[in-house]
Amino acid sequence: MPKPAKPQIRVYIAEETDRLLKAIAGIKDSSVNAIVNEAIDHWLDEAEQKEIVEKFNLDRLDEVD
């Protein structure tokens, strides 16, 4: 059975940022998707975001359904 598709988001970025991301992905033999996912993971690991997650119980969102 195939895996369910992962959620997608769409963002608008400056053309220069797009060029840099694509160039860096090519140099690192990676993908823009992998780089953006890594950046989001780092951002979510910051203390400010962790405090918000804890304050609003966002770590239990899957229990809401």
PDB file of N, CA and C in Angstrom:
ATOM      1  N   MET A   1       0.845  -1.177   0.000  1.00  0.00           N
ATOM      2  CA  MET A   1       0.000   0.000   0.000  1.00  0.00           C
ATOM      3  C   MET A   1       0.888   1.238   0.000  1.00  0.00           C
ATOM      4  N   PRO A   2       0.630   2.203  -0.881  1.00  0.00           N
ATOM      5  CA  PRO A   2       1.489   3.397  -0.944  1.00  0.00           C
ATOM      6  C   PRO A   2       1.324   4.276   0.289  1.00  0.00           C
ATOM      7  N   LYS A   3       2.405   4.959   0.610  1.00  0.00           N
ATOM      8  CA  LYS A   3       2.373   5.888   1.739  1.00  0.00           C
ATOM      9  C   LYS A   3       1.484   7.074   1.391  1.00  0.00           C
ATOM     10  N   PRO A   4       0.774   7.604   2.393  1.00  0.00           N
ATOM     11  CA  PRO A   4      -0.034   8.808   2.110  1.00  0.00           C
ATOM     12  C   PRO A   4       0.884   9.986   1.791  1.00  0.00           C
ATOM     13  N   ALA A   5       0.397  10.866   0.950  1.00  0.00           N
ATOM     14  CA  ALA A   5       1.186  12.039   0.560  1.00  0.00           C
ATOM     15  C   ALA A   5       1.424  12.925   1.770  1.00  0.00           C
ATOM     16  N   LYS A   6       2.600  13.499   1.822  1.00  0.00           N
ATOM     17  CA  LYS A   6       2.923  14.432   2.901  1.00  0.00           C
ATOM     18  C   LYS A   6       2.229  15.760   2.640  1.00  0.00           C
ATOM     19  N   PRO A   7       1.877  16.469   3.709  1.00  0.00           N
ATOM     20  CA  PRO A   7       1.282  17.799   3.517  1.00  0.00           C
ATOM     21  C   PRO A   7       2.259  18.710   2.780  1.00  0.00           C
ATOM     22  N   GLN A   8       1.709  19.633   2.022  1.00  0.00           N
ATOM     23  CA  GLN A   8       2.524  20.588   1.277  1.00  0.00           C
ATOM     24  C   GLN A   8       2.158  21.994   1.705  1.00  0.00           C
ATOM     25  N   ILE A   9       3.149  22.871   1.612  1.00  0.00           N
ATOM     26  CA  ILE A   9       2.914  24.296   1.822  1.00  0.00           C
ATOM     27  C   ILE A   9       3.502  25.044   0.632  1.00  0.00           C
ATOM     28  N   ARG A  10       3.009  26.238   0.406  1.00  0.00           N
ATOM     29  CA  ARG A  10       3.541  27.062  -0.678  1.00  0.00           C
ATOM     30  C   ARG A  10       3.970  28.389  -0.073  1.00  0.00           C
ATOM     31  N   VAL A  11       5.164  28.803  -0.417  1.00  0.00           N
ATOM     32  CA  VAL A  11       5.660  30.091   0.062  1.00  0.00           C
ATOM     33  C   VAL A  11       6.186  30.884  -1.123  1.00  0.00           C
ATOM     34  N   TYR A  12       6.167  32.184  -0.980  1.00  0.00           N
ATOM     35  CA  TYR A  12       6.714  33.065  -1.999  1.00  0.00           C
ATOM     36  C   TYR A  12       8.014  33.637  -1.458  1.00  0.00           C
ATOM     37  N   ILE A  13       9.068  33.538  -2.248  1.00  0.00           N
ATOM     38  CA  ILE A  13      10.375  34.023  -1.833  1.00  0.00           C
ATOM     39  C   ILE A  13      10.964  34.911  -2.931  1.00  0.00           C
ATOM     40  N   ALA A  14      11.942  35.684  -2.550  1.00  0.00           N
ATOM     41  CA  ALA A  14      12.616  36.549  -3.517  1.00  0.00           C
ATOM     42  C   ALA A  14      13.359  35.691  -4.545  1.00  0.00           C
ATOM     43  N   GLU A  15      13.474  36.217  -5.758  1.00  0.00           N
ATOM     44  CA  GLU A  15      14.168  35.478  -6.821  1.00  0.00           C
ATOM     45  C   GLU A  15      15.599  35.148  -6.436  1.00  0.00           C
ATOM     46  N   GLU A  16      16.271  36.068  -5.770  1.00  0.00           N
ATOM     47  CA  GLU A  16      17.660  35.823  -5.348  1.00  0.00           C
ATOM     48  C   GLU A  16      17.721  34.662  -4.352  1.00  0.00           C
ATOM     49  N   THR A  17      16.764  34.606  -3.441  1.00  0.00           N
ATOM     50  CA  THR A  17      16.714  33.498  -2.483  1.00  0.00           C
ATOM     51  C   THR A  17      16.490  32.189  -3.205  1.00  0.00           C
ATOM     52  N   ASP A  18      15.615  32.187  -4.187  1.00  0.00           N
ATOM     53  CA  ASP A  18      15.350  30.995  -4.987  1.00  0.00           C
ATOM     54  C   ASP A  18      16.621  30.522  -5.687  1.00  0.00           C
ATOM     55  N   ARG A  19      17.325  31.449  -6.300  1.00  0.00           N
ATOM     56  CA  ARG A  19      18.573  31.091  -7.000  1.00  0.00           C
ATOM     57  C   ARG A  19      19.600  30.525  -6.024  1.00  0.00           C
ATOM     58  N   LEU A  20      19.728  31.162  -4.854  1.00  0.00           N
ATOM     59  CA  LEU A  20      20.695  30.683  -3.868  1.00  0.00           C
ATOM     60  C   LEU A  20      20.331  29.289  -3.362  1.00  0.00           C
ATOM     61  N   LEU A  21      19.069  29.075  -3.051  1.00  0.00           N
ATOM     62  CA  LEU A  21      18.646  27.760  -2.577  1.00  0.00           C
ATOM     63  C   LEU A  21      18.934  26.676  -3.608  1.00  0.00           C
ATOM     64  N   LYS A  22      18.604  26.941  -4.848  1.00  0.00           N
ATOM     65  CA  LYS A  22      18.842  25.956  -5.910  1.00  0.00           C
ATOM     66  C   LYS A  22      20.334  25.696  -6.112  1.00  0.00           C
ATOM     67  N   ALA A  23      21.145  26.752  -6.061  1.00  0.00           N
ATOM     68  CA  ALA A  23      22.585  26.596  -6.233  1.00  0.00           C
ATOM     69  C   ALA A  23      23.179  25.796  -5.081  1.00  0.00           C
ATOM     70  N   ILE A  24      22.794  26.140  -3.867  1.00  0.00           N
ATOM     71  CA  ILE A  24      23.326  25.425  -2.701  1.00  0.00           C
ATOM     72  C   ILE A  24      22.872  23.972  -2.712  1.00  0.00           C
ATOM     73  N   ALA A  25      21.622  23.729  -3.070  1.00  0.00           N
ATOM     74  CA  ALA A  25      21.132  22.352  -3.153  1.00  0.00           C
ATOM     75  C   ALA A  25      21.955  21.547  -4.148  1.00  0.00           C
ATOM     76  N   GLY A  26      22.258  22.145  -5.289  1.00  0.00           N
ATOM     77  CA  GLY A  26      23.072  21.456  -6.290  1.00  0.00           C
ATOM     78  C   GLY A  26      24.478  21.172  -5.797  1.00  0.00           C
ATOM     79  N   ILE A  27      25.076  22.144  -5.150  1.00  0.00           N
ATOM     80  CA  ILE A  27      26.440  21.971  -4.627  1.00  0.00           C
ATOM     81  C   ILE A  27      26.472  20.880  -3.562  1.00  0.00           C
ATOM     82  N   LYS A  28      25.454  20.837  -2.715  1.00  0.00           N
ATOM     83  CA  LYS A  28      25.401  19.861  -1.629  1.00  0.00           C
ATOM     84  C   LYS A  28      24.819  18.518  -2.063  1.00  0.00           C
ATOM     85  N   ASP A  29      24.473  18.386  -3.350  1.00  0.00           N
ATOM     86  CA  ASP A  29      23.817  17.186  -3.856  1.00  0.00           C
ATOM     87  C   ASP A  29      22.584  16.873  -3.003  1.00  0.00           C
ATOM     88  N   SER A  30      21.780  17.907  -2.787  1.00  0.00           N
ATOM     89  CA  SER A  30      20.581  17.826  -1.961  1.00  0.00           C
ATOM     90  C   SER A  30      19.413  18.363  -2.779  1.00  0.00           C
ATOM     91  N   SER A  31      18.358  18.756  -2.106  1.00  0.00           N
ATOM     92  CA  SER A  31      17.208  19.347  -2.786  1.00  0.00           C
ATOM     93  C   SER A  31      16.759  20.586  -2.017  1.00  0.00           C
ATOM     94  N   VAL A  32      16.059  21.461  -2.714  1.00  0.00           N
ATOM     95  CA  VAL A  32      15.501  22.641  -2.046  1.00  0.00           C
ATOM     96  C   VAL A  32      14.543  22.173  -0.958  1.00  0.00           C
ATOM     97  N   ASN A  33      13.764  21.148  -1.234  1.00  0.00           N
ATOM     98  CA  ASN A  33      12.848  20.601  -0.249  1.00  0.00           C
ATOM     99  C   ASN A  33      13.584  20.193   1.029  1.00  0.00           C
ATOM    100  N   ALA A  34      14.687  19.479   0.898  1.00  0.00           N
ATOM    101  CA  ALA A  34      15.450  19.031   2.066  1.00  0.00           C
ATOM    102  C   ALA A  34      16.017  20.218   2.839  1.00  0.00           C
ATOM    103  N   ILE A  35      16.512  21.222   2.124  1.00  0.00           N
ATOM    104  CA  ILE A  35      17.070  22.408   2.778  1.00  0.00           C
ATOM    105  C   ILE A  35      15.991  23.164   3.542  1.00  0.00           C
ATOM    106  N   VAL A  36      14.834  23.342   2.937  1.00  0.00           N
ATOM    107  CA  VAL A  36      13.745  24.065   3.591  1.00  0.00           C
ATOM    108  C   VAL A  36      13.237  23.278   4.797  1.00  0.00           C
ATOM    109  N   ASN A  37      13.121  21.967   4.676  1.00  0.00           N
ATOM    110  CA  ASN A  37      12.702  21.151   5.816  1.00  0.00           C
ATOM    111  C   ASN A  37      13.697  21.261   6.971  1.00  0.00           C
ATOM    112  N   GLU A  38      14.981  21.266   6.650  1.00  0.00           N
ATOM    113  CA  GLU A  38      16.020  21.420   7.674  1.00  0.00           C
ATOM    114  C   GLU A  38      15.898  22.791   8.352  1.00  0.00           C
ATOM    115  N   ALA A  39      15.664  23.826   7.564  1.00  0.00           N
ATOM    116  CA  ALA A  39      15.518  25.181   8.117  1.00  0.00           C
ATOM    117  C   ALA A  39      14.296  25.261   9.039  1.00  0.00           C
ATOM    118  N   ILE A  40      13.202  24.647   8.639  1.00  0.00           N
ATOM    119  CA  ILE A  40      12.002  24.652   9.474  1.00  0.00           C
ATOM    120  C   ILE A  40      12.256  23.894  10.773  1.00  0.00           C
ATOM    121  N   ASP A  41      12.924  22.753  10.687  1.00  0.00           N
ATOM    122  CA  ASP A  41      13.243  21.984  11.892  1.00  0.00           C
ATOM    123  C   ASP A  41      14.096  22.808  12.860  1.00  0.00           C
ATOM    124  N   HIS A  42      15.096  23.511  12.327  1.00  0.00           N
ATOM    125  CA  HIS A  42      15.934  24.367  13.179  1.00  0.00           C
ATOM    126  C   HIS A  42      15.101  25.472  13.824  1.00  0.00           C
ATOM    127  N   TRP A  43      14.220  26.088  13.059  1.00  0.00           N
ATOM    128  CA  TRP A  43      13.369  27.162  13.570  1.00  0.00           C
ATOM    129  C   TRP A  43      12.461  26.635  14.686  1.00  0.00           C
ATOM    130  N   LEU A  44      11.890  25.456  14.480  1.00  0.00           N
ATOM    131  CA  LEU A  44      11.020  24.875  15.500  1.00  0.00           C
ATOM    132  C   LEU A  44      11.781  24.480  16.758  1.00  0.00           C
ATOM    133  N   ASP A  45      13.085  24.245  16.643  1.00  0.00           N
ATOM    134  CA  ASP A  45      13.915  23.899  17.797  1.00  0.00           C
ATOM    135  C   ASP A  45      14.312  25.105  18.637  1.00  0.00           C
ATOM    136  N   GLU A  46      14.061  26.310  18.147  1.00  0.00           N
ATOM    137  CA  GLU A  46      14.412  27.508  18.900  1.00  0.00           C
ATOM    138  C   GLU A  46      13.526  27.616  20.143  1.00  0.00           C
ATOM    139  N   ALA A  47      14.091  28.193  21.189  1.00  0.00           N
ATOM    140  CA  ALA A  47      13.397  28.299  22.472  1.00  0.00           C
ATOM    141  C   ALA A  47      12.049  29.006  22.353  1.00  0.00           C
ATOM    142  N   GLU A  48      11.986  30.061  21.566  1.00  0.00           N
ATOM    143  CA  GLU A  48      10.737  30.823  21.434  1.00  0.00           C
ATOM    144  C   GLU A  48       9.598  29.951  20.911  1.00  0.00           C
ATOM    145  N   GLN A  49       9.871  29.159  19.881  1.00  0.00           N
ATOM    146  CA  GLN A  49       8.838  28.279  19.324  1.00  0.00           C
ATOM    147  C   GLN A  49       8.503  27.166  20.310  1.00  0.00           C
ATOM    148  N   LYS A  50       9.499  26.626  21.003  1.00  0.00           N
ATOM    149  CA  LYS A  50       9.247  25.567  21.978  1.00  0.00           C
ATOM    150  C   LYS A  50       8.353  26.066  23.110  1.00  0.00           C
ATOM    151  N   GLU A  51       8.545  27.313  23.524  1.00  0.00           N
ATOM    152  CA  GLU A  51       7.700  27.898  24.564  1.00  0.00           C
ATOM    153  C   GLU A  51       6.247  27.997  24.088  1.00  0.00           C
ATOM    154  N   ILE A  52       6.053  28.402  22.838  1.00  0.00           N
ATOM    155  CA  ILE A  52       4.697  28.499  22.280  1.00  0.00           C
ATOM    156  C   ILE A  52       4.052  27.122  22.213  1.00  0.00           C
ATOM    157  N   VAL A  53       4.807  26.139  21.754  1.00  0.00           N
ATOM    158  CA  VAL A  53       4.283  24.771  21.666  1.00  0.00           C
ATOM    159  C   VAL A  53       3.838  24.297  23.043  1.00  0.00           C
ATOM    160  N   GLU A  54       4.671  24.548  24.046  1.00  0.00           N
ATOM    161  CA  GLU A  54       4.332  24.117  25.404  1.00  0.00           C
ATOM    162  C   GLU A  54       3.139  24.898  25.958  1.00  0.00           C
ATOM    163  N   LYS A  55       3.155  26.221  25.804  1.00  0.00           N
ATOM    164  CA  LYS A  55       2.103  27.073  26.361  1.00  0.00           C
ATOM    165  C   LYS A  55       0.720  26.702  25.819  1.00  0.00           C
ATOM    166  N   PHE A  56       0.645  26.398  24.526  1.00  0.00           N
ATOM    167  CA  PHE A  56      -0.642  26.116  23.881  1.00  0.00           C
ATOM    168  C   PHE A  56      -0.865  24.625  23.614  1.00  0.00           C
ATOM    169  N   ASN A  57      -0.048  23.773  24.234  1.00  0.00           N
ATOM    170  CA  ASN A  57      -0.179  22.317  24.091  1.00  0.00           C
ATOM    171  C   ASN A  57      -0.190  21.868  22.629  1.00  0.00           C
ATOM    172  N   LEU A  58       0.617  22.501  21.816  1.00  0.00           N
ATOM    173  CA  LEU A  58       0.627  22.173  20.391  1.00  0.00           C
ATOM    174  C   LEU A  58       1.265  20.808  20.113  1.00  0.00           C
ATOM    175  N   ASP A  59       1.956  20.268  21.083  1.00  0.00           N
ATOM    176  CA  ASP A  59       2.539  18.940  20.903  1.00  0.00           C
ATOM    177  C   ASP A  59       1.464  17.847  20.956  1.00  0.00           C
ATOM    178  N   ARG A  60       0.230  18.238  21.270  1.00  0.00           N
ATOM    179  CA  ARG A  60      -0.874  17.282  21.343  1.00  0.00           C
ATOM    180  C   ARG A  60      -1.942  17.563  20.277  1.00  0.00           C
ATOM    181  N   LEU A  61      -1.574  18.189  19.199  1.00  0.00           N
ATOM    182  CA  LEU A  61      -2.545  18.499  18.145  1.00  0.00           C
ATOM    183  C   LEU A  61      -3.184  17.252  17.560  1.00  0.00           C
ATOM    184  N   ASP A  62      -2.426  16.164  17.484  1.00  0.00           N
ATOM    185  CA  ASP A  62      -2.981  14.936  16.895  1.00  0.00           C
ATOM    186  C   ASP A  62      -4.063  14.326  17.765  1.00  0.00           C
ATOM    187  N   GLU A  63      -4.158  14.730  19.026  1.00  0.00           N
ATOM    188  CA  GLU A  63      -5.193  14.224  19.929  1.00  0.00           C
ATOM    189  C   GLU A  63      -6.532  14.925  19.708  1.00  0.00           C
ATOM    190  N   VAL A  64      -6.532  16.033  18.976  1.00  0.00           N
ATOM    191  CA  VAL A  64      -7.743  16.829  18.772  1.00  0.00           C
ATOM    192  C   VAL A  64      -8.715  16.120  17.823  1.00  0.00           C
ATOM    193  N   ASP A  65      -8.201  15.420  16.841  1.00  0.00           N
ATOM    194  CA  ASP A  65      -9.067  14.786  15.832  1.00  0.00           C
ATOM    195  C   ASP A  65      -9.999  13.799  16.418  1.00  0.00           C
TER     196      ASP A  65
END
